[in-house]
Protein backbone atom coordinates (compact mmCIF):
# COMPACT_ATOMS: atom_id res chain seq x y z
CA MET A 1 20.13 -6.05 10.28
CA LYS A 2 21.90 -8.79 8.34
CA GLU A 3 20.18 -12.07 7.67
CA ILE A 4 20.78 -14.78 10.26
CA SER A 5 19.70 -18.37 10.50
CA ARG A 6 16.20 -19.11 11.71
CA ARG A 7 17.43 -21.03 14.75
CA ALA A 8 19.97 -18.37 15.76
CA TRP A 9 17.43 -15.61 15.26
CA LEU A 10 14.82 -17.33 17.40
CA LYS A 11 17.37 -17.85 20.13
CA SER A 12 18.70 -14.27 20.05
CA ALA A 13 15.18 -12.85 19.90
CA SER A 14 14.03 -14.93 22.88
CA LEU A 15 11.13 -16.19 20.78
CA GLY A 16 11.91 -19.89 20.60
CA SER A 17 8.80 -20.65 22.66
CA GLY A 18 6.73 -18.92 20.00
CA LEU A 19 6.98 -21.87 17.65
CA ALA A 20 5.84 -24.22 20.38
CA LEU A 21 2.96 -21.85 21.04
CA LEU A 22 1.86 -22.17 17.42
CA GLY A 23 1.66 -25.93 17.65
CA ALA A 24 0.10 -26.14 21.09
CA SER A 25 -2.36 -23.28 21.44
CA GLY A 26 -4.48 -23.67 18.33
CA MET A 27 -4.34 -19.88 17.94
CA ALA A 28 -3.08 -20.11 14.36
CA SER A 29 -3.64 -22.96 11.94
CA SER A 30 -0.95 -23.94 9.47
CA LEU A 31 -1.56 -23.76 5.74
CA SER A 32 -2.02 -27.00 3.89
CA ALA A 33 0.66 -28.21 1.49
CA GLU A 34 -1.60 -27.20 -1.41
CA GLU A 35 -2.06 -23.68 0.00
CA ILE A 36 1.69 -23.32 0.44
CA ARG A 37 2.23 -24.37 -3.16
CA LYS A 38 -0.46 -22.10 -4.59
CA PHE A 39 -0.13 -19.04 -2.39
CA ASN A 40 3.60 -18.97 -1.55
CA PRO A 41 3.78 -17.70 2.06
CA ARG A 42 7.13 -16.16 2.91
CA PRO A 43 9.30 -18.40 5.12
CA LEU A 44 9.32 -17.84 8.85
CA ALA A 45 12.80 -16.37 9.21
CA GLY A 46 14.43 -13.45 10.94
CA PRO A 47 14.14 -10.61 11.00
CA ILE A 48 10.36 -10.62 10.63
CA ARG A 49 9.53 -7.63 8.43
CA LEU A 50 6.28 -5.98 9.44
CA GLY A 51 7.21 -2.44 8.47
CA SER A 52 6.54 -2.03 4.74
CA ASN A 53 2.90 -3.07 4.25
CA GLU A 54 3.87 -5.99 2.03
CA ASN A 55 1.62 -8.94 1.34
CA PRO A 56 3.31 -11.89 3.10
CA TYR A 57 1.92 -14.20 0.40
CA GLY A 58 2.70 -14.38 -3.30
CA PRO A 59 3.49 -14.24 -6.06
CA SER A 60 0.97 -17.03 -6.46
CA GLU A 61 1.73 -20.21 -8.35
CA LYS A 62 -0.13 -18.90 -11.40
CA MET A 63 1.84 -15.66 -11.37
CA ARG A 64 5.14 -17.49 -11.01
CA GLN A 65 4.29 -19.80 -13.91
CA ALA A 66 3.40 -16.80 -16.07
CA MET A 67 6.75 -15.14 -15.34
CA VAL A 68 8.73 -18.30 -16.06
CA SER A 69 6.89 -18.76 -19.36
CA ALA A 70 7.72 -15.19 -20.30
CA PHE A 71 11.49 -15.65 -19.91
CA GLU A 72 11.89 -16.50 -23.57
CA ASN A 73 10.76 -12.96 -24.37
CA GLY A 74 13.19 -11.40 -21.91
CA CYS A 75 15.38 -10.26 -24.78
CA ARG A 76 12.53 -8.13 -26.17
CA TYR A 77 11.54 -4.61 -25.24
CA PRO A 78 8.19 -4.62 -23.43
CA TRP A 79 6.35 -1.94 -25.42
CA SER A 80 4.65 -4.29 -27.86
CA TYR A 81 3.52 -6.55 -25.01
CA ASN A 82 1.81 -3.84 -22.94
CA GLY A 83 -1.40 -3.85 -24.96
CA SER A 84 -2.95 -7.01 -23.55
CA LEU A 85 -2.28 -5.90 -19.96
CA VAL A 86 -3.69 -2.42 -20.59
CA LYS A 87 -6.79 -4.00 -22.11
CA MET A 88 -7.35 -6.15 -19.02
CA ILE A 89 -6.89 -3.19 -16.67
CA ALA A 90 -9.21 -0.99 -18.72
CA GLU A 91 -11.91 -3.66 -18.63
CA LYS A 92 -11.46 -4.05 -14.87
CA GLU A 93 -11.79 -0.29 -14.28
CA GLY A 94 -14.54 0.25 -16.84
CA VAL A 95 -12.69 2.86 -18.89
CA PRO A 96 -11.26 3.04 -22.44
CA GLU A 97 -7.71 1.80 -22.88
CA ASN A 98 -6.30 5.30 -23.47
CA TYR A 99 -7.19 6.15 -19.86
CA ILE A 100 -4.60 3.68 -18.51
CA VAL A 101 -0.94 4.51 -17.81
CA PRO A 102 1.13 1.45 -16.74
CA VAL A 103 3.97 2.27 -14.34
CA ALA A 104 6.66 0.40 -12.43
CA GLY A 105 4.73 0.32 -9.18
CA SER A 106 2.33 3.09 -8.21
CA THR A 107 5.24 4.97 -6.61
CA GLU A 108 6.54 5.78 -10.07
CA GLY A 109 3.07 7.02 -10.97
CA LEU A 110 3.00 9.31 -7.95
CA LYS A 111 6.40 10.77 -8.76
CA VAL A 112 5.56 11.27 -12.43
CA ALA A 113 2.28 12.99 -11.55
CA GLY A 114 4.02 15.26 -9.06
CA ILE A 115 6.48 16.65 -11.59
CA THR A 116 3.95 16.67 -14.44
CA PHE A 117 1.30 18.73 -12.70
CA GLY A 118 3.07 20.25 -9.70
CA ARG A 119 5.97 22.11 -11.28
CA GLY A 120 5.71 25.87 -11.26
CA GLY A 121 3.34 25.93 -8.32
CA GLU A 122 2.40 24.00 -5.21
CA ILE A 123 1.02 20.64 -4.15
CA ILE A 124 -1.35 20.55 -1.19
CA SER A 125 -1.56 17.46 0.99
CA CYS A 126 -1.97 16.39 4.60
CA ALA A 127 0.67 15.00 6.91
CA PRO A 128 1.36 12.31 7.80
CA THR A 129 0.72 10.46 4.57
CA PHE A 130 2.66 8.57 1.88
CA LEU A 131 5.44 10.98 0.93
CA SER A 132 6.87 9.78 -2.39
CA MET A 133 5.08 12.31 -4.60
CA MET A 134 5.83 15.32 -2.44
CA GLU A 135 9.45 14.45 -1.68
CA TYR A 136 10.19 13.92 -5.37
CA ALA A 137 8.34 17.04 -6.51
CA GLU A 138 10.31 19.15 -4.02
CA LEU A 139 13.52 18.12 -5.77
CA TRP A 140 12.12 19.76 -8.92
CA GLY A 141 11.26 23.04 -7.19
CA THR A 142 7.62 22.42 -6.30
CA GLU A 143 6.38 23.96 -3.06
CA ILE A 144 4.49 21.67 -0.69
CA ASN A 145 1.63 23.17 1.30
CA TRP A 146 1.26 20.82 4.25
CA VAL A 147 -2.05 20.60 6.10
CA PRO A 148 -2.15 18.69 9.42
CA LEU A 149 -4.59 15.82 9.77
CA ASN A 150 -7.66 16.91 11.69
CA LYS A 151 -8.44 15.95 15.29
CA ASP A 152 -9.84 12.61 14.13
CA LEU A 153 -6.61 11.91 12.18
CA ASP A 154 -8.40 12.24 8.85
CA PHE A 155 -7.41 14.29 5.80
CA ASP A 156 -8.73 17.78 6.59
CA LEU A 157 -10.65 18.29 3.35
CA ASP A 158 -12.21 21.55 4.51
CA GLU A 159 -8.83 23.12 5.27
CA ILE A 160 -7.31 21.83 2.02
CA GLU A 161 -10.15 23.40 0.03
CA LYS A 162 -9.64 26.71 1.83
CA ARG A 163 -5.97 26.73 0.87
CA VAL A 164 -6.43 26.06 -2.85
CA SER A 165 -5.24 29.15 -4.73
CA HIS A 166 -3.91 30.22 -8.11
CA GLU A 167 -0.58 28.69 -7.02
CA THR A 168 -2.10 25.24 -6.49
CA ARG A 169 -1.40 22.80 -9.30
CA LEU A 170 -2.14 19.50 -7.59
CA VAL A 171 -3.93 18.18 -4.51
CA PHE A 172 -2.86 14.78 -3.18
CA LEU A 173 -5.18 12.44 -1.29
CA CYS A 174 -4.29 8.99 0.05
CA ASN A 175 -7.49 7.08 0.71
CA PRO A 176 -7.30 4.83 2.69
CA ASN A 177 -4.48 6.84 4.14
CA ASN A 178 -1.02 5.50 4.90
CA PRO A 179 -0.13 5.35 7.84
CA THR A 180 -3.55 5.68 9.50
CA GLY A 181 -5.53 3.19 7.40
CA LYS A 182 -8.54 5.51 7.72
CA LEU A 183 -11.16 6.01 5.07
CA LEU A 184 -12.77 9.35 4.20
CA PRO A 185 -16.58 9.60 4.21
CA ALA A 186 -17.73 8.56 0.75
CA GLN A 187 -19.96 11.48 -0.18
CA LYS A 188 -17.63 14.03 1.38
CA VAL A 189 -14.64 12.90 -0.67
CA ILE A 190 -16.72 12.78 -3.86
CA ASP A 191 -17.98 16.33 -3.29
CA PHE A 192 -14.45 17.50 -2.47
CA CYS A 193 -12.90 15.99 -5.59
CA GLU A 194 -15.66 17.30 -7.86
CA THR A 195 -15.26 20.84 -6.50
CA VAL A 196 -11.47 21.07 -6.19
CA SER A 197 -10.76 19.40 -9.55
CA LYS A 198 -12.26 22.48 -11.22
CA ARG A 199 -9.32 24.48 -9.87
CA ALA A 200 -6.45 21.96 -9.72
CA VAL A 201 -5.71 18.35 -10.57
CA VAL A 202 -6.73 16.00 -7.76
CA PHE A 203 -4.65 12.85 -7.29
CA SER A 204 -6.30 9.97 -5.40
CA ASP A 205 -3.84 7.34 -4.21
CA GLU A 206 -5.91 4.16 -3.85
CA ALA A 207 -3.11 1.67 -3.17
CA TYR A 208 -5.17 0.03 -0.41
CA TYR A 209 -8.57 0.22 -2.10
CA ASP A 210 -8.90 -3.59 -2.29
CA TYR A 211 -8.87 -3.83 1.51
CA ILE A 212 -11.81 -1.49 2.06
CA THR A 213 -14.58 -3.25 3.99
CA GLU A 214 -17.25 -0.54 3.71
CA PRO A 215 -19.88 -1.78 1.23
CA ASN A 216 -20.06 -0.02 -2.14
CA TYR A 217 -17.37 2.50 -1.25
CA PRO A 218 -16.68 4.52 -4.42
CA SER A 219 -13.38 4.82 -6.24
CA MET A 220 -12.57 8.23 -7.67
CA VAL A 221 -12.33 6.45 -11.03
CA GLU A 222 -16.03 7.28 -11.24
CA LEU A 223 -15.09 10.97 -11.45
CA VAL A 224 -12.44 10.23 -14.07
CA LYS A 225 -15.18 8.67 -16.19
CA LYS A 226 -17.17 11.91 -15.89
CA GLY A 227 -14.27 13.95 -17.26
CA HIS A 228 -13.02 15.56 -14.07
CA ASP A 229 -9.34 16.50 -13.64
CA VAL A 230 -8.76 13.56 -11.32
CA VAL A 231 -5.96 10.99 -11.47
CA VAL A 232 -6.25 7.68 -9.61
CA SER A 233 -3.36 5.34 -8.81
CA ARG A 234 -3.60 1.61 -8.18
CA THR A 235 -0.92 -0.97 -7.45
CA LEU A 236 -0.41 -4.72 -7.74
CA SER A 237 2.09 -4.59 -4.87
CA LYS A 238 -0.41 -5.15 -2.07
CA VAL A 239 -3.27 -7.63 -2.33
CA TYR A 240 -1.78 -9.18 -5.50
CA GLY A 241 1.57 -9.85 -3.79
CA LEU A 242 3.81 -8.32 -6.49
CA ALA A 243 5.69 -5.64 -4.53
CA GLY A 244 9.06 -6.88 -5.80
CA ILE A 245 7.91 -7.12 -9.40
CA ARG A 246 7.00 -3.39 -9.61
CA LEU A 247 3.72 -2.92 -11.42
CA GLY A 248 0.99 -0.36 -10.99
CA TYR A 249 -1.11 1.95 -13.11
CA LEU A 250 -2.74 5.37 -13.27
CA ILE A 251 -6.25 6.10 -14.50
CA ALA A 252 -6.96 9.54 -15.99
CA LYS A 253 -8.84 11.09 -18.88
CA PRO A 254 -6.81 11.05 -22.12
CA GLU A 255 -5.70 14.70 -21.93
CA LEU A 256 -4.03 14.01 -18.57
CA ALA A 257 -2.99 10.43 -19.33
CA ASP A 258 -1.03 11.53 -22.42
CA LYS A 259 0.98 14.04 -20.37
CA LEU A 260 1.77 11.35 -17.80
CA LYS A 261 2.82 8.81 -20.45
CA ASP A 262 5.36 11.29 -21.84
CA ARG A 263 7.14 11.39 -18.47
CA VAL A 264 7.10 7.73 -17.42
CA VAL A 265 10.69 6.59 -16.92
CA ALA A 266 10.87 2.97 -15.77
CA ASN A 267 7.73 1.75 -17.55
CA THR A 268 7.07 -1.99 -17.15
CA ASN A 269 8.97 -5.15 -18.09
CA ILE A 270 8.07 -8.45 -19.70
CA MET A 271 7.91 -10.39 -16.42
CA ALA A 272 5.80 -7.71 -14.72
CA ILE A 273 3.37 -7.61 -17.64
CA GLU A 274 2.78 -11.37 -17.57
CA ALA A 275 2.66 -11.50 -13.77
CA GLY A 276 0.12 -8.69 -13.79
CA LYS A 277 -2.12 -10.42 -16.30
CA ALA A 278 -2.01 -13.64 -14.27
CA ALA A 279 -2.67 -11.70 -11.06
CA LEU A 280 -5.79 -10.04 -12.43
CA MET A 281 -7.15 -13.46 -13.39
CA ASP A 282 -6.17 -15.26 -10.16
CA LYS A 283 -9.34 -14.64 -8.15
CA GLU A 284 -8.52 -17.47 -5.74
CA PHE A 285 -5.27 -15.82 -4.59
CA TYR A 286 -7.00 -12.43 -4.38
CA GLN A 287 -9.65 -13.75 -2.00
CA PHE A 288 -7.07 -15.75 -0.03
CA SER A 289 -4.98 -12.60 0.51
CA LEU A 290 -7.98 -10.62 1.73
CA GLN A 291 -9.02 -13.38 4.12
CA LYS A 292 -5.55 -13.83 5.59
CA ASN A 293 -5.18 -10.07 5.99
CA LYS A 294 -8.48 -10.02 7.88
CA GLU A 295 -7.31 -12.82 10.17
CA ALA A 296 -3.95 -11.16 10.84
CA LYS A 297 -5.55 -7.80 11.63
CA ALA A 298 -7.91 -9.49 14.06
CA LEU A 299 -4.94 -11.00 15.91
CA LEU A 300 -3.16 -7.64 16.02
CA THR A 301 -6.16 -5.74 17.35
CA GLN A 302 -6.97 -8.47 19.86
CA THR A 303 -3.54 -7.98 21.40
CA LEU A 304 -3.92 -4.18 21.34
CA ASP A 305 -7.22 -4.56 23.16
CA GLU A 306 -5.51 -6.75 25.78
CA LEU A 307 -2.80 -4.09 26.19
CA LYS A 308 -5.46 -1.33 26.28
CA LEU A 309 -3.66 0.59 23.54
CA PRO A 310 -5.70 2.89 21.25
CA TYR A 311 -5.72 2.08 17.54
CA LEU A 312 -7.54 3.24 14.42
CA GLU A 313 -9.96 1.17 12.37
CA SER A 314 -7.93 0.12 9.35
CA HIS A 315 -9.08 -0.35 5.77
CA ALA A 316 -5.61 -1.50 4.76
CA ASN A 317 -3.05 -4.23 5.48
CA PHE A 318 -1.65 -2.60 8.59
CA VAL A 319 -2.79 -1.25 11.95
CA PHE A 320 -1.83 2.16 13.36
CA PHE A 321 -1.79 2.26 17.15
CA GLN A 322 -0.65 4.59 19.92
CA SER A 323 2.19 2.82 21.66
CA GLY A 324 2.95 5.47 24.25
CA ARG A 325 6.64 5.10 23.38
CA ASP A 326 8.82 7.18 21.09
CA ILE A 327 8.73 5.22 17.84
CA VAL A 328 12.49 5.49 17.29
CA GLU A 329 13.15 3.79 20.60
CA LEU A 330 10.39 1.25 20.06
CA ASN A 331 11.89 0.41 16.67
CA LYS A 332 15.25 -0.28 18.29
CA THR A 333 13.72 -2.47 20.99
CA MET A 334 11.67 -4.49 18.51
CA ALA A 335 14.67 -4.87 16.19
CA GLN A 336 16.58 -6.41 19.07
CA LYS A 337 13.76 -8.92 19.38
CA GLY A 338 13.89 -9.71 15.67
CA PHE A 339 11.12 -7.51 14.25
CA ILE A 340 11.13 -4.59 11.81
CA ILE A 341 8.15 -2.30 12.35
CA GLY A 342 6.97 0.96 10.76
CA ARG A 343 9.10 4.08 10.53
CA PRO A 344 8.33 7.36 12.33
CA PHE A 345 5.38 9.43 11.07
CA PRO A 346 5.85 12.89 12.58
CA PRO A 347 4.21 14.54 14.41
CA LEU A 348 2.60 11.28 15.63
CA ASN A 349 5.86 10.19 17.18
CA ASP A 350 4.37 7.79 19.74
CA TRP A 351 2.25 5.95 17.16
CA CYS A 352 3.31 2.71 15.49
CA ARG A 353 2.29 1.25 12.12
CA ILE A 354 2.45 -2.53 12.09
CA SER A 355 1.89 -4.44 8.87
CA THR A 356 -0.01 -7.70 8.72
CA GLY A 357 2.19 -10.74 8.21
CA THR A 358 1.54 -14.43 8.06
CA ILE A 359 -0.41 -15.83 10.99
CA GLU A 360 2.81 -17.30 12.37
CA GLU A 361 4.66 -13.97 12.08
CA VAL A 362 1.85 -12.04 13.74
CA THR A 363 1.57 -14.57 16.57
CA LEU A 364 5.28 -14.19 17.35
CA TYR A 365 5.06 -10.41 17.05
CA ASN A 366 2.14 -10.31 19.47
CA GLN A 367 4.16 -12.26 22.00
CA ALA A 368 7.07 -9.82 21.65
CA ILE A 369 5.00 -6.63 21.84
CA LYS A 370 3.33 -7.90 25.01
CA GLU A 371 6.78 -8.34 26.55
CA VAL A 372 7.75 -4.79 25.57
CA LEU A 373 4.54 -2.85 26.22
CA GLY A 374 2.67 -5.12 28.63
C-alpha cells in the first residue's frame, strides 16, 4: 500500500472519529513535548503498521546524537571500532569478550548459525516460529525436521528430544516464541538444553527476552557460561528501537563463536556501533519502551476480552489471538481500513498476531477491529 496523506488516509479508512476519541475519552494520554523529543514516537500516519513487531518509539535522542556524531567516521571500515561495543555487550551478558559475535540484526546471526552448524544434516524446530534460520538453511541443502507445537501451543520439547538423531546438527528454539509470545517453563527448558546440547548445538533465539515479565526467568546464556554447546541470539531491534539500524549479537563459547565469526557477512557499521553503545547506556528509553509496551498490550487485550476472542499470554511486544477469520481475508479487510497486521502462521490460519504500537495507533486499531469482528 503506497503512502498517503494522514488526512486522506483517515478519511478512506473511516477512522477520522478516532482522533476525536483520543482527545475526548481520556483513554490514551499524549506524550509531553519532552517525551516526544527524547523517545521519538513514530508519527500517526497511514497505513498503521502493526505487523512486524517493531518498537514504535526510537531511536532515542541519545542514540540519534551518537549516530550523527559518528558520521565523520563514515569513511572508515568498522572493524577497528567494534571493540568498545563488544566490551559493553560482554559486560552486560557476564561473559568474556571472545564469546560475543556482533551481527547486522539477529536475523543475520540466525542465518549464519543455520549454515554453520546445520549443513550436512538436519535442523529440528517447531512450527509456527520465526523462520529465517530454517528457510535460509534449506537453500544450502539442510533438511528441516518440523515438529508441531503441542496442544498448548508451546514448543514440544519432549517430541523434539525424541527426534534428535545422528543426523541432527542443530535444534532451534524461539523463547519467547514468535508468533505466540509464549514462554517455556524455566526449569524444563534448562533441562532440555543441557541434555540436547550434548548431542547437537542448541540455538536459543531470545529476541524478546527483555519483555519477559516472569521474575528471574533464566537466559540460556547461563548454559553458555558453563561450556554447553548452546548459542544465544539477542537483538537491539525491539526494546531498543533500532530495527532499521540492524544490530544484534550472538553469545557462544569461543569454539563455536569463532566458527560463526568466520561466516558473518554483513557485520556491523559505524552508525550501528555507536547507536548500539548509546542504546545500552540509555536506561531511561529502555524503561520507557517497556512501560509503553505494557500499556499498549493492556489496551489490545482489553478489546479482545470485550470481543470474547481467545488470546495467549504474551511475553513479547505483540499479542496472538484467535480471530475466527482466515488471516488472509482479515489482512485484506484491515488493510482497507488502513492497518497492516501479522502475516499467516500456518497451520494456525485463523489466528492473528498484532504488534503493539503507540497508544494512539492501538486506540485506532481497537476501534477498527471492533467494527470488523464485533
